[in-house]
Amino acid sequence: MIRALFLFLVLQMLTVSAESFAQTRSTIINRTVSQTLPKTVKIVGSGGFRGLEAYQSGFLISNEGHILTAWSYVLDSDVITLTMNDGTKREAQLMGFDPRLDIAVLKIDVADTPHFNLEVATTASVGDRILAFSNLYGVATGNEPVSVQQGFVSAKIQLSARRGAYQSPYQDDAYLLDAMTNNPGAAGGALTDLQGRLVGMLGKELRDSKTGAWLNFALPMEKLMDAIKRIRAGEITSNSDVIDRPTEPISAALLGFSLVADIVQKTPPFIDRVVVGSVAAKIGVRPDDLIIEVNGQMTASVKDVLKQFQRTDRDGSVDLTVQRGNRFIDMKLRLVE
């Protein structure tokens, strides 16, 4: 009888302790969520076609209105509209992007705004609890908050993924998550620990290259920090305006290749044809190569490539960086040796 009573009291104590722990954790999560939501934004831009949602997520990373998000077709728009957590709408400027990491930095005209402090961004270990903040499926509008999901870091993996025929350019470490975080509109969302410290950025919808399984993952902030600093410093930009155009500029035709037809506002600059025996052919340029840089300037469209060519004299050299599958290849093309 005494033994049974003792066991009953122990079970009661354990039950009370478990309930108290759950309440404490719930309080911590609620506080973190309320402090983090004002740092998130909803982004609307290009898209609207079947399978091409015109929205994604982002989050503030500075007191001056810098926003980190995923680099995607959504940002290929003359007007990028952001909806803040309080429902106010602002137009954002694309400061720059890094296609190797699939990230972009936007800028809005604000000051003293809630934001993540990158200096206290942290790393996560397998088994750590995480919170994911994103506008998945575009369900949040106006002053409605973005969605919040709880989960764990299931593993740290070497990302090798694709979306259809598109191979993800990011091939480095990533957090694999047990929550269904990578949905339409979630790309560019924030991943934090339970204390609200920034851990990573949610990636695009991708499948594992080997298994074909849809991945739920985030890019670690430690892998993105250098590129973010360079974009904010103006070392990586999206500016490709023609300045000081030479009298006789270079052209794709002179180099021996052509680009795909420029049929939409910002057509990705894929190479369509390469002339046999041309400068481009001798250097190793191939059809379906995607030009991502010309002379050190990022090129997001056919127009960007043509503008950069217009800035280069035909007697000079052209430095190209192309994406071929998941590889990045640097080439130097020159008409006159």
Protein backbone atom coordinates (compact mmCIF):
# COMPACT_ATOMS: atom_id res chain seq x y z
CA MET A 1 0.00 0.00 0.00
CA ILE A 2 2.77 2.43 0.97
CA ARG A 3 4.74 1.47 -2.12
CA ALA A 4 1.74 2.09 -4.36
CA LEU A 5 1.13 5.47 -2.70
CA PHE A 6 4.79 6.39 -3.20
CA LEU A 7 4.61 5.53 -6.92
CA PHE A 8 1.40 7.54 -7.26
CA LEU A 9 3.05 10.61 -5.71
CA VAL A 10 6.09 10.26 -7.96
CA LEU A 11 3.88 10.06 -11.06
CA GLN A 12 1.94 13.12 -9.92
CA MET A 13 5.18 15.06 -9.46
CA LEU A 14 6.42 14.01 -12.89
CA THR A 15 3.10 15.00 -14.48
CA VAL A 16 3.16 18.42 -12.82
CA SER A 17 6.81 18.87 -13.83
CA ALA A 18 6.08 17.95 -17.46
CA GLU A 19 3.10 20.33 -17.60
CA SER A 20 5.20 23.11 -16.09
CA PHE A 21 7.99 22.51 -18.62
CA ALA A 22 5.50 22.53 -21.51
CA GLN A 23 3.97 25.79 -20.28
CA THR A 24 7.42 27.37 -19.93
CA ARG A 25 8.41 26.30 -23.45
CA SER A 26 5.11 27.58 -24.84
CA THR A 27 5.69 30.93 -23.15
CA ILE A 28 9.19 31.16 -24.65
CA ILE A 29 7.90 30.32 -28.14
CA ASN A 30 5.04 32.83 -27.91
CA ARG A 31 7.46 35.55 -26.85
CA THR A 32 9.87 34.69 -29.66
CA VAL A 33 7.09 34.70 -32.25
CA SER A 34 5.75 38.10 -31.14
CA GLN A 35 9.26 39.59 -31.27
CA THR A 36 10.14 38.04 -34.64
CA LEU A 37 7.02 38.73 -36.72
CA PRO A 38 7.76 42.50 -37.06
CA LYS A 39 11.07 41.53 -38.74
CA THR A 40 9.34 39.60 -41.54
CA VAL A 41 8.00 40.87 -44.88
CA LYS A 42 5.77 39.54 -47.65
CA ILE A 43 7.10 40.08 -51.18
CA VAL A 44 5.06 40.38 -54.39
CA GLY A 45 6.63 40.70 -57.83
CA SER A 46 6.72 38.86 -61.16
CA GLY A 47 4.87 35.60 -61.72
CA GLY A 48 1.21 34.73 -61.73
CA PHE A 49 1.47 31.94 -64.30
CA ARG A 50 0.73 28.30 -63.53
CA GLY A 51 3.51 27.01 -61.28
CA LEU A 52 5.05 30.50 -61.01
CA GLU A 53 3.70 32.10 -57.87
CA ALA A 54 4.17 35.87 -57.76
CA TYR A 55 5.04 35.97 -54.08
CA GLN A 56 7.72 34.89 -51.62
CA SER A 57 9.09 35.78 -48.19
CA GLY A 58 11.87 37.89 -46.72
CA PHE A 59 13.17 39.39 -43.48
CA LEU A 60 14.87 42.57 -42.34
CA ILE A 61 18.59 42.35 -41.56
CA SER A 62 19.47 45.98 -40.79
CA ASN A 63 18.16 49.10 -39.14
CA GLU A 64 18.29 50.85 -42.53
CA GLY A 65 15.79 48.59 -44.27
CA HIS A 66 17.97 45.90 -45.88
CA ILE A 67 16.01 42.71 -46.55
CA LEU A 68 17.34 39.23 -47.24
CA THR A 69 15.35 36.96 -49.51
CA ALA A 70 15.76 34.24 -52.12
CA TRP A 71 16.92 35.19 -55.62
CA SER A 72 14.12 34.17 -57.98
CA TYR A 73 11.96 35.25 -60.91
CA VAL A 74 9.66 37.03 -58.41
CA LEU A 75 12.29 39.78 -58.18
CA ASP A 76 12.44 40.15 -61.99
CA SER A 77 10.03 43.05 -61.89
CA ASP A 78 10.21 46.82 -62.31
CA VAL A 79 8.21 47.13 -59.11
CA ILE A 80 8.85 44.87 -56.11
CA THR A 81 6.15 45.41 -53.50
CA LEU A 82 6.64 44.53 -49.85
CA THR A 83 3.99 44.25 -47.19
CA MET A 84 5.33 44.83 -43.71
CA ASN A 85 4.03 42.99 -40.66
CA ASP A 86 1.78 45.95 -39.75
CA GLY A 87 0.17 45.93 -43.21
CA THR A 88 1.95 48.95 -44.68
CA LYS A 89 3.15 48.54 -48.27
CA ARG A 90 6.50 49.73 -49.60
CA GLU A 91 8.36 49.52 -52.87
CA ALA A 92 11.77 47.85 -52.64
CA GLN A 93 14.93 48.31 -54.65
CA LEU A 94 17.01 45.30 -55.63
CA MET A 95 20.50 46.10 -54.34
CA GLY A 96 22.17 42.96 -55.64
CA PHE A 97 22.08 39.19 -55.76
CA ASP A 98 24.41 36.22 -55.68
CA PRO A 99 23.20 33.43 -58.01
CA ARG A 100 25.75 31.00 -56.55
CA LEU A 101 23.94 31.18 -53.21
CA ASP A 102 20.43 31.92 -54.55
CA ILE A 103 20.12 35.01 -52.33
CA ALA A 104 19.23 38.64 -52.95
CA VAL A 105 19.24 41.80 -50.85
CA LEU A 106 16.49 44.40 -51.20
CA LYS A 107 16.33 47.89 -49.72
CA ILE A 108 13.38 49.95 -48.51
CA ASP A 109 13.38 53.52 -47.23
CA VAL A 110 12.87 53.06 -43.48
CA ALA A 111 14.80 53.73 -40.30
CA ASP A 112 14.70 52.32 -36.78
CA THR A 113 12.84 49.25 -37.93
CA PRO A 114 12.81 45.87 -36.11
CA HIS A 115 15.40 43.59 -37.70
CA PHE A 116 17.59 40.55 -37.12
CA ASN A 117 21.02 41.36 -35.76
CA LEU A 118 23.40 39.43 -38.00
CA GLU A 119 26.16 39.72 -35.43
CA VAL A 120 24.28 37.38 -33.10
CA ALA A 121 23.14 34.94 -35.79
CA THR A 122 23.85 31.42 -34.63
CA THR A 123 24.30 27.88 -35.89
CA ALA A 124 22.10 24.88 -35.16
CA SER A 125 22.92 21.29 -34.34
CA VAL A 126 21.05 18.14 -35.25
CA GLY A 127 18.11 17.79 -32.87
CA ASP A 128 17.79 21.51 -32.10
CA ARG A 129 14.29 22.98 -32.11
CA ILE A 130 13.64 25.65 -34.73
CA LEU A 131 10.93 28.07 -35.84
CA ALA A 132 10.28 28.85 -39.51
CA PHE A 133 8.65 32.16 -40.49
CA SER A 134 7.29 32.46 -44.05
CA ASN A 135 4.30 33.44 -46.15
CA LEU A 136 3.73 29.91 -47.40
CA TYR A 137 1.01 29.64 -50.05
CA GLY A 138 0.60 33.43 -49.83
CA VAL A 139 -2.07 33.06 -47.14
CA ALA A 140 -1.05 36.24 -45.29
CA THR A 141 -2.24 39.55 -46.72
CA GLY A 142 -2.37 43.05 -45.29
CA ASN A 143 -1.49 43.08 -41.62
CA GLU A 144 -2.00 39.33 -41.24
CA PRO A 145 1.17 37.74 -39.85
CA VAL A 146 3.20 35.23 -41.81
CA SER A 147 2.90 31.57 -40.85
CA VAL A 148 5.08 30.05 -38.12
CA GLN A 149 6.08 26.38 -38.03
CA GLN A 150 7.86 24.42 -35.31
CA GLY A 151 10.27 21.63 -35.97
CA PHE A 152 13.70 20.12 -35.50
CA VAL A 153 16.94 20.10 -37.42
CA SER A 154 16.94 16.53 -38.72
CA ALA A 155 20.37 16.57 -40.33
CA LYS A 156 23.09 18.65 -41.89
CA ILE A 157 23.50 17.70 -45.54
CA GLN A 158 25.48 18.62 -48.63
CA LEU A 159 22.72 20.04 -50.78
CA SER A 160 22.35 18.47 -54.21
CA ALA A 161 18.90 19.29 -55.51
CA ARG A 162 16.89 20.33 -58.53
CA ARG A 163 13.50 21.73 -59.58
CA GLY A 164 12.50 20.03 -62.82
CA ALA A 165 15.49 20.45 -65.11
CA TYR A 166 16.81 23.30 -62.96
CA GLN A 167 19.82 22.30 -60.86
CA SER A 168 20.24 24.33 -57.69
CA PRO A 169 23.44 26.39 -57.88
CA TYR A 170 23.89 26.11 -54.12
CA GLN A 171 25.85 22.93 -53.45
CA ASP A 172 27.07 23.49 -49.89
CA ASP A 173 25.95 22.60 -46.35
CA ALA A 174 22.26 22.98 -45.53
CA TYR A 175 19.95 22.24 -42.62
CA LEU A 176 17.45 19.46 -43.32
CA LEU A 177 14.24 20.09 -41.37
CA ASP A 178 11.47 17.77 -40.20
CA ALA A 179 8.70 20.36 -40.74
CA MET A 180 7.08 20.98 -44.14
CA THR A 181 8.71 24.37 -44.54
CA ASN A 182 9.57 24.68 -48.24
CA ASN A 183 6.22 25.40 -49.85
CA PRO A 184 5.18 27.91 -52.54
CA GLY A 185 5.88 31.39 -51.17
CA ALA A 186 8.15 30.18 -48.36
CA ALA A 187 11.44 30.85 -50.16
CA GLY A 188 13.36 33.59 -48.37
CA GLY A 189 11.69 32.98 -45.01
CA ALA A 190 13.57 33.15 -41.71
CA LEU A 191 14.70 30.16 -39.66
CA THR A 192 15.38 30.88 -35.97
CA ASP A 193 16.05 29.03 -32.75
CA LEU A 194 13.54 29.17 -29.89
CA GLN A 195 15.22 32.34 -28.59
CA GLY A 196 14.64 34.12 -31.89
CA ARG A 197 18.26 34.13 -33.03
CA LEU A 198 18.62 33.88 -36.79
CA VAL A 199 19.84 30.45 -37.94
CA GLY A 200 19.22 30.39 -41.68
CA MET A 201 17.07 31.28 -44.67
CA LEU A 202 14.44 28.94 -46.10
CA GLY A 203 15.29 27.73 -49.59
CA LYS A 204 13.18 27.20 -52.71
CA GLU A 205 11.07 24.15 -53.50
CA LEU A 206 13.61 21.54 -54.59
CA ARG A 207 13.86 17.78 -54.97
CA ASP A 208 16.83 15.68 -54.00
CA SER A 209 18.82 14.88 -57.16
CA LYS A 210 19.24 11.22 -56.20
CA THR A 211 15.96 10.23 -54.56
CA GLY A 212 13.54 12.74 -56.10
CA ALA A 213 12.09 13.50 -52.64
CA TRP A 214 10.97 17.04 -51.90
CA LEU A 215 13.37 18.70 -49.48
CA ASN A 216 12.60 20.89 -46.48
CA PHE A 217 15.79 22.82 -45.88
CA ALA A 218 17.41 26.11 -44.97
CA LEU A 219 20.71 27.72 -45.93
CA PRO A 220 22.91 28.39 -42.86
CA MET A 221 23.52 32.09 -42.21
CA GLU A 222 27.25 31.45 -41.80
CA LYS A 223 27.36 30.51 -45.50
CA LEU A 224 25.58 33.72 -46.56
CA MET A 225 27.25 36.39 -44.42
CA ASP A 226 30.14 37.25 -46.73
CA ALA A 227 27.90 37.67 -49.79
CA ILE A 228 25.45 39.83 -47.79
CA LYS A 229 28.29 42.13 -46.73
CA ARG A 230 29.56 42.39 -50.30
CA ILE A 231 26.11 43.20 -51.68
CA ARG A 232 25.52 45.87 -49.04
CA ALA A 233 28.97 47.33 -49.77
CA GLY A 234 28.13 47.58 -53.48
CA GLU A 235 30.67 44.95 -54.55
CA ILE A 236 27.90 42.74 -55.97
CA THR A 237 25.15 44.74 -57.65
CA SER A 238 22.26 44.43 -60.06
CA ASN A 239 23.11 47.67 -61.84
CA SER A 240 23.86 47.14 -65.50
CA ASP A 241 23.08 50.55 -67.02
CA VAL A 242 25.14 51.52 -70.05
CA ILE A 243 27.82 54.08 -69.19
CA ASP A 244 30.52 55.45 -71.52
CA ARG A 245 29.48 53.28 -74.47
CA PRO A 246 32.44 52.66 -76.83
CA THR A 247 32.23 53.56 -80.52
CA GLU A 248 32.56 49.92 -81.60
CA PRO A 249 31.18 47.67 -78.84
CA ILE A 250 31.47 43.90 -78.71
CA SER A 251 28.44 41.73 -79.48
CA ALA A 252 27.34 38.13 -79.08
CA ALA A 253 27.32 37.73 -82.86
CA LEU A 254 30.96 38.81 -83.12
CA LEU A 255 31.91 36.34 -80.41
CA GLY A 256 30.03 33.59 -82.23
CA PHE A 257 26.91 32.81 -80.21
CA SER A 258 23.32 33.93 -79.83
CA LEU A 259 21.04 34.20 -76.83
CA VAL A 260 17.51 32.90 -76.50
CA ALA A 261 14.73 35.17 -77.76
CA ASP A 262 14.00 38.06 -75.38
CA ILE A 263 10.25 37.47 -75.10
CA VAL A 264 9.42 38.48 -71.51
CA GLN A 265 10.38 41.38 -69.29
CA LYS A 266 13.49 39.69 -67.96
CA THR A 267 14.29 36.60 -70.00
CA PRO A 268 17.07 34.51 -68.39
CA PRO A 269 20.22 34.84 -70.56
CA PHE A 270 20.60 31.28 -71.82
CA ILE A 271 22.86 30.69 -74.82
CA ASP A 272 20.82 29.39 -77.74
CA ARG A 273 23.37 28.60 -80.49
CA VAL A 274 27.17 28.59 -80.82
CA VAL A 275 28.80 29.02 -84.24
CA VAL A 276 31.27 26.26 -85.10
CA GLY A 277 34.86 27.59 -85.21
CA SER A 278 33.97 30.89 -83.53
CA VAL A 279 35.76 32.48 -80.58
CA ALA A 280 33.01 31.24 -78.27
CA ALA A 281 33.24 27.68 -79.60
CA LYS A 282 37.01 27.58 -79.18
CA ILE A 283 36.77 28.77 -75.57
CA GLY A 284 34.15 26.11 -74.76
CA VAL A 285 30.86 28.01 -74.69
CA ARG A 286 27.90 25.64 -75.14
CA PRO A 287 24.19 25.95 -75.89
CA ASP A 288 22.06 26.06 -72.71
CA ASP A 289 24.84 27.73 -70.70
CA LEU A 290 23.31 30.41 -68.46
CA ILE A 291 25.33 33.64 -68.36
CA ILE A 292 25.33 34.93 -64.78
CA GLU A 293 28.17 37.47 -64.98
CA VAL A 294 29.72 39.67 -67.66
CA ASN A 295 32.91 41.48 -66.68
CA GLY A 296 32.13 41.00 -63.01
CA GLN A 297 28.57 42.34 -63.24
CA MET A 298 25.62 40.11 -62.41
CA THR A 299 23.30 39.49 -65.36
CA ALA A 300 19.75 38.43 -64.61
CA SER A 301 18.34 38.83 -68.12
CA VAL A 302 19.14 38.94 -71.82
CA LYS A 303 18.95 42.75 -71.64
CA ASP A 304 21.58 42.80 -68.87
CA VAL A 305 24.00 40.79 -71.01
CA LEU A 306 23.48 43.02 -74.05
CA LYS A 307 23.99 46.14 -71.94
CA GLN A 308 27.26 44.83 -70.60
CA PHE A 309 28.42 44.01 -74.13
CA GLN A 310 27.57 47.57 -75.16
CA ARG A 311 29.97 48.81 -72.49
CA THR A 312 32.87 46.70 -73.82
CA ASP A 313 35.03 47.70 -76.78
CA ARG A 314 35.43 44.98 -79.40
CA ASP A 315 39.22 45.26 -79.04
CA GLY A 316 38.93 44.37 -75.37
CA SER A 317 38.19 41.07 -73.64
CA VAL A 318 34.96 39.80 -72.18
CA ASP A 319 34.96 37.85 -68.91
CA LEU A 320 31.98 35.49 -68.78
CA THR A 321 30.78 33.36 -65.90
CA VAL A 322 28.26 30.75 -66.95
CA GLN A 323 26.26 28.18 -65.03
CA ARG A 324 26.30 24.73 -66.62
CA GLY A 325 24.25 22.29 -64.56
CA ASN A 326 25.51 22.83 -61.02
CA ARG A 327 28.93 24.09 -62.13
CA PHE A 328 30.13 27.69 -62.55
CA ILE A 329 32.68 28.21 -65.31
CA ASP A 330 34.77 31.36 -65.87
CA MET A 331 35.78 32.17 -69.46
CA LYS A 332 37.68 34.99 -71.16
CA LEU A 333 36.69 35.77 -74.76
CA ARG A 334 38.70 38.07 -77.01
CA LEU A 335 38.36 38.82 -80.72
CA VAL A 336 41.95 39.98 -81.22
CA GLU A 337 44.83 37.93 -79.82
